[in-house]
PDB file of N, CA and C in Angstrom:
ATOM      1  N   MET A   1       0.842  -1.175   0.000  1.00  0.00           N
ATOM      2  CA  MET A   1       0.000   0.000   0.000  1.00  0.00           C
ATOM      3  C   MET A   1       0.890   1.241   0.000  1.00  0.00           C
ATOM      4  N   ALA A   2       0.665   2.129  -0.928  1.00  0.00           N
ATOM      5  CA  ALA A   2       1.487   3.333  -1.059  1.00  0.00           C
ATOM      6  C   ALA A   2       1.114   4.354   0.009  1.00  0.00           C
ATOM      7  N   LYS A   3       2.117   5.063   0.461  1.00  0.00           N
ATOM      8  CA  LYS A   3       1.896   6.089   1.481  1.00  0.00           C
ATOM      9  C   LYS A   3       1.383   7.364   0.808  1.00  0.00           C
ATOM     10  N   ALA A   4       0.342   7.927   1.368  1.00  0.00           N
ATOM     11  CA  ALA A   4      -0.252   9.143   0.807  1.00  0.00           C
ATOM     12  C   ALA A   4       0.633  10.347   1.125  1.00  0.00           C
ATOM     13  N   PRO A   5       0.643  11.347   0.259  1.00  0.00           N
ATOM     14  CA  PRO A   5       1.423  12.556   0.554  1.00  0.00           C
ATOM     15  C   PRO A   5       0.841  13.272   1.771  1.00  0.00           C
ATOM     16  N   PRO A   6       1.675  14.028   2.475  1.00  0.00           N
ATOM     17  CA  PRO A   6       1.176  14.722   3.671  1.00  0.00           C
ATOM     18  C   PRO A   6       0.072  15.720   3.322  1.00  0.00           C
ATOM     19  N   SER A   7      -0.917  15.768   4.174  1.00  0.00           N
ATOM     20  CA  SER A   7      -2.034  16.684   3.945  1.00  0.00           C
ATOM     21  C   SER A   7      -1.880  17.921   4.826  1.00  0.00           C
ATOM     22  N   ILE A   8      -2.764  18.864   4.651  1.00  0.00           N
ATOM     23  CA  ILE A   8      -2.736  20.095   5.442  1.00  0.00           C
ATOM     24  C   ILE A   8      -2.912  19.778   6.924  1.00  0.00           C
ATOM     25  N   SER A   9      -3.754  18.806   7.226  1.00  0.00           N
ATOM     26  CA  SER A   9      -3.990  18.482   8.637  1.00  0.00           C
ATOM     27  C   SER A   9      -2.744  17.893   9.294  1.00  0.00           C
ATOM     28  N   ASP A  10      -1.899  17.206   8.516  1.00  0.00           N
ATOM     29  CA  ASP A  10      -0.648  16.688   9.076  1.00  0.00           C
ATOM     30  C   ASP A  10       0.233  17.837   9.546  1.00  0.00           C
ATOM     31  N   TYR A  11       0.339  18.874   8.743  1.00  0.00           N
ATOM     32  CA  TYR A  11       1.136  20.038   9.121  1.00  0.00           C
ATOM     33  C   TYR A  11       0.504  20.779  10.296  1.00  0.00           C
ATOM     34  N   ALA A  12      -0.814  20.811  10.334  1.00  0.00           N
ATOM     35  CA  ALA A  12      -1.510  21.514  11.417  1.00  0.00           C
ATOM     36  C   ALA A  12      -1.231  20.844  12.763  1.00  0.00           C
ATOM     37  N   LEU A  13      -1.185  19.525  12.775  1.00  0.00           N
ATOM     38  CA  LEU A  13      -0.901  18.812  14.024  1.00  0.00           C
ATOM     39  C   LEU A  13       0.506  19.120  14.529  1.00  0.00           C
ATOM     40  N   VAL A  14       1.466  19.164  13.621  1.00  0.00           N
ATOM     41  CA  VAL A  14       2.846  19.466  14.006  1.00  0.00           C
ATOM     42  C   VAL A  14       2.943  20.900  14.524  1.00  0.00           C
ATOM     43  N   ARG A  15       2.311  21.835  13.824  1.00  0.00           N
ATOM     44  CA  ARG A  15       2.331  23.236  14.270  1.00  0.00           C
ATOM     45  C   ARG A  15       1.701  23.378  15.648  1.00  0.00           C
ATOM     46  N   ARG A  16       0.639  22.645  15.882  1.00  0.00           N
ATOM     47  CA  ARG A  16      -0.029  22.700  17.182  1.00  0.00           C
ATOM     48  C   ARG A  16       0.900  22.194  18.282  1.00  0.00           C
ATOM     49  N   GLN A  17       1.630  21.123  18.009  1.00  0.00           N
ATOM     50  CA  GLN A  17       2.603  20.623  18.985  1.00  0.00           C
ATOM     51  C   GLN A  17       3.615  21.707  19.318  1.00  0.00           C
ATOM     52  N   PHE A  18       4.129  22.379  18.300  1.00  0.00           N
ATOM     53  CA  PHE A  18       5.126  23.421  18.521  1.00  0.00           C
ATOM     54  C   PHE A  18       4.533  24.580  19.320  1.00  0.00           C
ATOM     55  N   GLN A  19       3.291  24.936  19.057  1.00  0.00           N
ATOM     56  CA  GLN A  19       2.639  26.021  19.801  1.00  0.00           C
ATOM     57  C   GLN A  19       2.488  25.651  21.276  1.00  0.00           C
ATOM     58  N   ILE A  20       2.138  24.402  21.541  1.00  0.00           N
ATOM     59  CA  ILE A  20       1.993  23.951  22.929  1.00  0.00           C
ATOM     60  C   ILE A  20       3.334  24.012  23.645  1.00  0.00           C
ATOM     61  N   PHE A  21       4.394  23.577  22.977  1.00  0.00           N
ATOM     62  CA  PHE A  21       5.727  23.670  23.576  1.00  0.00           C
ATOM     63  C   PHE A  21       6.096  25.120  23.857  1.00  0.00           C
ATOM     64  N   GLU A  22       5.812  26.026  22.928  1.00  0.00           N
ATOM     65  CA  GLU A  22       6.151  27.442  23.127  1.00  0.00           C
ATOM     66  C   GLU A  22       5.428  28.005  24.353  1.00  0.00           C
ATOM     67  N   ARG A  23       4.145  27.684  24.501  1.00  0.00           N
ATOM     68  CA  ARG A  23       3.397  28.168  25.661  1.00  0.00           C
ATOM     69  C   ARG A  23       3.944  27.588  26.956  1.00  0.00           C
ATOM     70  N   ALA A  24       4.279  26.307  26.939  1.00  0.00           N
ATOM     71  CA  ALA A  24       4.823  25.670  28.143  1.00  0.00           C
ATOM     72  C   ALA A  24       6.169  26.280  28.515  1.00  0.00           C
ATOM     73  N   LEU A  25       6.988  26.600  27.520  1.00  0.00           N
ATOM     74  CA  LEU A  25       8.307  27.166  27.804  1.00  0.00           C
ATOM     75  C   LEU A  25       8.218  28.597  28.316  1.00  0.00           C
ATOM     76  N   LYS A  26       7.171  29.318  27.929  1.00  0.00           N
ATOM     77  CA  LYS A  26       6.978  30.659  28.499  1.00  0.00           C
ATOM     78  C   LYS A  26       6.707  30.558  29.994  1.00  0.00           C
ATOM     79  N   LYS A  27       5.972  29.523  30.386  1.00  0.00           N
ATOM     80  CA  LYS A  27       5.609  29.357  31.786  1.00  0.00           C
ATOM     81  C   LYS A  27       6.732  28.699  32.594  1.00  0.00           C
ATOM     82  N   PHE A  28       7.433  27.746  31.989  1.00  0.00           N
ATOM     83  CA  PHE A  28       8.473  26.987  32.688  1.00  0.00           C
ATOM     84  C   PHE A  28       9.812  27.159  31.979  1.00  0.00           C
ATOM     85  N   LYS A  29      10.364  28.353  32.012  1.00  0.00           N
ATOM     86  CA  LYS A  29      11.608  28.650  31.288  1.00  0.00           C
ATOM     87  C   LYS A  29      12.785  27.814  31.760  1.00  0.00           C
ATOM     88  N   GLY A  30      12.822  27.477  33.037  1.00  0.00           N
ATOM     89  CA  GLY A  30      13.965  26.771  33.594  1.00  0.00           C
ATOM     90  C   GLY A  30      13.909  25.257  33.480  1.00  0.00           C
ATOM     91  N   ASP A  31      12.877  24.712  32.878  1.00  0.00           N
ATOM     92  CA  ASP A  31      12.708  23.262  32.786  1.00  0.00           C
ATOM     93  C   ASP A  31      13.536  22.710  31.620  1.00  0.00           C
ATOM     94  N   VAL A  32      14.725  22.227  31.932  1.00  0.00           N
ATOM     95  CA  VAL A  32      15.650  21.751  30.901  1.00  0.00           C
ATOM     96  C   VAL A  32      15.080  20.541  30.164  1.00  0.00           C
ATOM     97  N   GLY A  33      14.402  19.664  30.879  1.00  0.00           N
ATOM     98  CA  GLY A  33      13.802  18.491  30.248  1.00  0.00           C
ATOM     99  C   GLY A  33      12.788  18.864  29.181  1.00  0.00           C
ATOM    100  N   LEU A  34      12.025  19.905  29.445  1.00  0.00           N
ATOM    101  CA  LEU A  34      11.035  20.378  28.472  1.00  0.00           C
ATOM    102  C   LEU A  34      11.723  20.912  27.220  1.00  0.00           C
ATOM    103  N   TRP A  35      12.815  21.666  27.414  1.00  0.00           N
ATOM    104  CA  TRP A  35      13.587  22.176  26.269  1.00  0.00           C
ATOM    105  C   TRP A  35      14.101  21.010  25.422  1.00  0.00           C
ATOM    106  N   LEU A  36      14.631  19.984  26.084  1.00  0.00           N
ATOM    107  CA  LEU A  36      15.181  18.842  25.352  1.00  0.00           C
ATOM    108  C   LEU A  36      14.096  18.083  24.592  1.00  0.00           C
ATOM    109  N   GLN A  37      12.924  17.951  25.201  1.00  0.00           N
ATOM    110  CA  GLN A  37      11.809  17.294  24.506  1.00  0.00           C
ATOM    111  C   GLN A  37      11.406  18.084  23.268  1.00  0.00           C
ATOM    112  N   TYR A  38      11.357  19.399  23.399  1.00  0.00           N
ATOM    113  CA  TYR A  38      10.991  20.265  22.276  1.00  0.00           C
ATOM    114  C   TYR A  38      11.990  20.081  21.133  1.00  0.00           C
ATOM    115  N   ILE A  39      13.273  20.058  21.461  1.00  0.00           N
ATOM    116  CA  ILE A  39      14.305  19.874  20.437  1.00  0.00           C
ATOM    117  C   ILE A  39      14.162  18.507  19.773  1.00  0.00           C
ATOM    118  N   GLN A  40      13.896  17.463  20.556  1.00  0.00           N
ATOM    119  CA  GLN A  40      13.728  16.119  20.002  1.00  0.00           C
ATOM    120  C   GLN A  40      12.542  16.053  19.045  1.00  0.00           C
ATOM    121  N   VAL A  41      11.428  16.660  19.429  1.00  0.00           N
ATOM    122  CA  VAL A  41      10.237  16.648  18.574  1.00  0.00           C
ATOM    123  C   VAL A  41      10.514  17.419  17.286  1.00  0.00           C
ATOM    124  N   ALA A  42      11.167  18.566  17.402  1.00  0.00           N
ATOM    125  CA  ALA A  42      11.475  19.364  16.214  1.00  0.00           C
ATOM    126  C   ALA A  42      12.409  18.600  15.274  1.00  0.00           C
ATOM    127  N   LYS A  43      13.401  17.909  15.825  1.00  0.00           N
ATOM    128  CA  LYS A  43      14.307  17.108  14.996  1.00  0.00           C
ATOM    129  C   LYS A  43      13.549  15.981  14.305  1.00  0.00           C
ATOM    130  N   LYS A  44      12.675  15.309  15.065  1.00  0.00           N
ATOM    131  CA  LYS A  44      11.910  14.186  14.511  1.00  0.00           C
ATOM    132  C   LYS A  44      11.020  14.639  13.355  1.00  0.00           C
ATOM    133  N   GLU A  45      10.487  15.845  13.472  1.00  0.00           N
ATOM    134  CA  GLU A  45       9.600  16.368  12.435  1.00  0.00           C
ATOM    135  C   GLU A  45      10.366  17.008  11.276  1.00  0.00           C
ATOM    136  N   GLY A  46      11.693  17.086  11.398  1.00  0.00           N
ATOM    137  CA  GLY A  46      12.501  17.633  10.308  1.00  0.00           C
ATOM    138  C   GLY A  46      12.519  19.147  10.253  1.00  0.00           C
ATOM    139  N   ALA A  47      12.257  19.798  11.377  1.00  0.00           N
ATOM    140  CA  ALA A  47      12.224  21.267  11.435  1.00  0.00           C
ATOM    141  C   ALA A  47      13.612  21.782  11.831  1.00  0.00           C
ATOM    142  N   ARG A  48      14.556  21.728  10.884  1.00  0.00           N
ATOM    143  CA  ARG A  48      15.946  22.105  11.181  1.00  0.00           C
ATOM    144  C   ARG A  48      16.075  23.558  11.591  1.00  0.00           C
ATOM    145  N   ALA A  49      15.365  24.448  10.930  1.00  0.00           N
ATOM    146  CA  ALA A  49      15.448  25.875  11.268  1.00  0.00           C
ATOM    147  C   ALA A  49      14.927  26.118  12.683  1.00  0.00           C
ATOM    148  N   LEU A  50      13.867  25.436  13.048  1.00  0.00           N
ATOM    149  CA  LEU A  50      13.307  25.585  14.391  1.00  0.00           C
ATOM    150  C   LEU A  50      14.285  25.067  15.443  1.00  0.00           C
ATOM    151  N   VAL A  51      14.945  23.958  15.164  1.00  0.00           N
ATOM    152  CA  VAL A  51      15.933  23.417  16.105  1.00  0.00           C
ATOM    153  C   VAL A  51      17.021  24.455  16.354  1.00  0.00           C
ATOM    154  N   GLY A  52      17.472  25.118  15.308  1.00  0.00           N
ATOM    155  CA  GLY A  52      18.485  26.158  15.456  1.00  0.00           C
ATOM    156  C   GLY A  52      18.001  27.315  16.302  1.00  0.00           C
ATOM    157  N   ARG A  53      16.760  27.733  16.086  1.00  0.00           N
ATOM    158  CA  ARG A  53      16.207  28.844  16.872  1.00  0.00           C
ATOM    159  C   ARG A  53      16.030  28.456  18.333  1.00  0.00           C
ATOM    160  N   ILE A  54      15.636  27.214  18.583  1.00  0.00           N
ATOM    161  CA  ILE A  54      15.441  26.756  19.965  1.00  0.00           C
ATOM    162  C   ILE A  54      16.778  26.730  20.695  1.00  0.00           C
ATOM    163  N   THR A  55      17.790  26.146  20.073  1.00  0.00           N
ATOM    164  CA  THR A  55      19.080  26.011  20.742  1.00  0.00           C
ATOM    165  C   THR A  55      19.775  27.355  20.917  1.00  0.00           C
ATOM    166  N   ALA A  56      19.435  28.334  20.105  1.00  0.00           N
ATOM    167  CA  ALA A  56      20.052  29.657  20.231  1.00  0.00           C
ATOM    168  C   ALA A  56      19.509  30.423  21.434  1.00  0.00           C
ATOM    169  N   ARG A  57      18.349  30.023  21.926  1.00  0.00           N
ATOM    170  CA  ARG A  57      17.762  30.758  23.059  1.00  0.00           C
ATOM    171  C   ARG A  57      18.475  30.475  24.321  1.00  0.00           C
TER     172      ARG A  57
END
């Protein structure tokens, strides 16, 4: 069975994950584990530019 190309909703789910991480990091700036999880999720999703912006903070 061939894999279908990504749809708009696939991108929306990933963006929503990133938004949730951003809100959590505003509230818990010192939580290193949360930062590392955010970086792992961004890497897994292939968001190289976002990984760079996260690590620069």
